N, C-alpha and C. Protein backbone atom coordinates (compact mmCIF):
# COMPACT_ATOMS: atom_id res chain seq x y z
N UNK A 1 -6.61 3.95 -15.84
CA UNK A 1 -6.89 3.80 -14.43
C UNK A 1 -5.90 2.82 -13.79
N UNK A 2 -5.68 1.69 -14.45
CA UNK A 2 -4.76 0.70 -13.88
C UNK A 2 -3.33 1.23 -13.85
N UNK A 3 -2.97 2.03 -14.84
CA UNK A 3 -1.64 2.64 -14.84
C UNK A 3 -1.44 3.57 -13.66
N UNK A 4 -2.47 4.34 -13.34
CA UNK A 4 -2.41 5.24 -12.19
C UNK A 4 -2.30 4.49 -10.88
N UNK A 5 -3.03 3.40 -10.76
CA UNK A 5 -2.96 2.57 -9.56
C UNK A 5 -1.57 1.94 -9.43
N UNK A 6 -1.04 1.45 -10.54
CA UNK A 6 0.31 0.85 -10.52
C UNK A 6 1.34 1.89 -10.11
N UNK A 7 1.25 3.10 -10.67
CA UNK A 7 2.19 4.17 -10.30
C UNK A 7 2.09 4.48 -8.82
N UNK A 8 0.87 4.57 -8.30
CA UNK A 8 0.68 4.87 -6.89
C UNK A 8 1.32 3.81 -6.00
N UNK A 9 1.14 2.55 -6.35
CA UNK A 9 1.72 1.47 -5.55
C UNK A 9 3.25 1.50 -5.59
N UNK A 10 3.81 1.73 -6.76
CA UNK A 10 5.27 1.78 -6.90
C UNK A 10 5.84 2.98 -6.14
N UNK A 11 5.22 4.14 -6.30
CA UNK A 11 5.70 5.35 -5.64
C UNK A 11 5.59 5.22 -4.11
N UNK A 12 4.48 4.71 -3.63
CA UNK A 12 4.30 4.54 -2.19
C UNK A 12 5.31 3.55 -1.63
N UNK A 13 5.54 2.46 -2.34
CA UNK A 13 6.54 1.48 -1.89
C UNK A 13 7.93 2.10 -1.87
N UNK A 14 8.24 2.92 -2.85
CA UNK A 14 9.55 3.57 -2.89
C UNK A 14 9.72 4.52 -1.70
N UNK A 15 8.69 5.28 -1.39
CA UNK A 15 8.76 6.21 -0.26
C UNK A 15 8.94 5.46 1.05
N UNK A 16 8.32 4.30 1.16
CA UNK A 16 8.39 3.54 2.41
C UNK A 16 9.71 2.78 2.54
N UNK A 17 10.23 2.22 1.44
CA UNK A 17 11.34 1.28 1.56
C UNK A 17 12.69 1.75 1.05
N UNK A 18 12.76 2.78 0.20
CA UNK A 18 14.07 3.26 -0.27
C UNK A 18 14.69 4.19 0.77
N UNK A 19 15.91 3.89 1.22
CA UNK A 19 16.54 4.69 2.26
C UNK A 19 16.63 6.18 1.94
N UNK A 20 16.90 6.54 0.70
CA UNK A 20 17.00 7.95 0.34
C UNK A 20 15.67 8.66 0.57
N UNK A 21 14.59 8.04 0.15
CA UNK A 21 13.27 8.65 0.32
C UNK A 21 12.78 8.56 1.76
N UNK A 22 13.24 7.55 2.50
CA UNK A 22 12.89 7.46 3.92
C UNK A 22 13.40 8.69 4.66
N UNK A 23 14.60 9.13 4.34
CA UNK A 23 15.17 10.31 4.98
C UNK A 23 14.41 11.58 4.64
N UNK A 24 13.97 11.69 3.39
CA UNK A 24 13.25 12.89 2.96
C UNK A 24 11.86 12.95 3.58
N UNK A 25 11.15 11.83 3.55
CA UNK A 25 9.76 11.81 4.00
C UNK A 25 9.59 11.38 5.46
N UNK A 26 10.67 10.94 6.10
CA UNK A 26 10.59 10.52 7.50
C UNK A 26 9.80 9.24 7.70
N UNK A 27 9.96 8.29 6.79
CA UNK A 27 9.24 7.02 6.89
C UNK A 27 10.20 5.90 7.27
N UNK A 28 9.65 4.74 7.52
CA UNK A 28 10.45 3.53 7.72
C UNK A 28 9.63 2.35 7.23
N UNK A 29 10.31 1.26 6.92
CA UNK A 29 9.64 0.09 6.38
C UNK A 29 8.66 -0.54 7.36
N UNK A 30 7.64 -1.17 6.81
CA UNK A 30 6.66 -1.86 7.64
C UNK A 30 7.19 -3.22 8.06
N UNK A 31 6.82 -3.65 9.24
CA UNK A 31 7.22 -4.98 9.70
C UNK A 31 6.33 -6.03 9.05
N UNK A 32 6.73 -7.28 9.17
CA UNK A 32 5.94 -8.38 8.61
C UNK A 32 4.58 -8.44 9.29
N UNK A 33 4.52 -8.21 10.59
CA UNK A 33 3.24 -8.23 11.31
C UNK A 33 2.31 -7.13 10.80
N UNK A 34 2.85 -5.95 10.53
CA UNK A 34 2.03 -4.87 10.01
C UNK A 34 1.51 -5.19 8.61
N UNK A 35 2.36 -5.75 7.77
CA UNK A 35 1.94 -6.13 6.43
C UNK A 35 0.87 -7.23 6.48
N UNK A 36 1.06 -8.21 7.36
CA UNK A 36 0.08 -9.29 7.50
C UNK A 36 -1.27 -8.75 7.96
N UNK A 37 -1.26 -7.73 8.81
CA UNK A 37 -2.50 -7.10 9.26
C UNK A 37 -3.24 -6.44 8.10
N UNK A 38 -2.50 -5.87 7.15
CA UNK A 38 -3.10 -5.12 6.05
C UNK A 38 -3.60 -6.00 4.90
N UNK A 39 -3.11 -7.21 4.79
CA UNK A 39 -3.42 -8.08 3.64
C UNK A 39 -4.92 -8.29 3.42
N UNK A 40 -5.74 -8.55 4.42
CA UNK A 40 -7.15 -8.83 4.14
C UNK A 40 -7.99 -7.62 3.73
N UNK A 41 -7.54 -6.41 3.99
CA UNK A 41 -8.39 -5.24 3.75
C UNK A 41 -8.81 -5.04 2.30
N UNK A 42 -7.93 -5.22 1.30
CA UNK A 42 -8.42 -5.06 -0.08
C UNK A 42 -9.53 -6.04 -0.43
N UNK A 43 -9.47 -7.24 0.12
CA UNK A 43 -10.51 -8.23 -0.16
C UNK A 43 -11.82 -7.86 0.52
N UNK A 44 -11.74 -7.32 1.72
CA UNK A 44 -12.95 -6.87 2.42
C UNK A 44 -13.60 -5.73 1.67
N UNK A 45 -12.81 -4.74 1.26
CA UNK A 45 -13.34 -3.60 0.53
C UNK A 45 -13.92 -4.05 -0.81
N UNK A 46 -13.21 -4.90 -1.52
CA UNK A 46 -13.71 -5.41 -2.80
C UNK A 46 -14.99 -6.21 -2.64
N UNK A 47 -15.04 -7.03 -1.60
CA UNK A 47 -16.26 -7.80 -1.33
C UNK A 47 -17.44 -6.92 -0.99
N UNK A 48 -17.22 -5.90 -0.19
CA UNK A 48 -18.30 -4.95 0.14
C UNK A 48 -18.76 -4.20 -1.10
N UNK A 49 -17.82 -3.80 -1.94
CA UNK A 49 -18.16 -3.09 -3.15
C UNK A 49 -19.02 -3.96 -4.07
N UNK A 50 -18.67 -5.20 -4.20
CA UNK A 50 -19.44 -6.10 -5.06
C UNK A 50 -20.80 -6.43 -4.44
N UNK A 51 -20.88 -6.47 -3.13
CA UNK A 51 -22.14 -6.76 -2.45
C UNK A 51 -23.17 -5.65 -2.65
N UNK A 52 -22.72 -4.42 -2.61
CA UNK A 52 -23.65 -3.30 -2.67
C UNK A 52 -23.87 -2.75 -4.07
N UNK A 53 -23.40 -3.41 -5.09
CA UNK A 53 -23.64 -2.95 -6.46
C UNK A 53 -24.98 -3.35 -6.93
């Protein structure tokens, strides 16, 4: 499971940030403000998951 999650994170990062893949998939890198907005969400989801178990 952890290997699959690691692969997903690496592949998604490559699609977003590697120029060759940006051209193929039509993506562009996220700004610092966008990344800062996303940082708390894994903790919120994890906290909710642990609360309702």
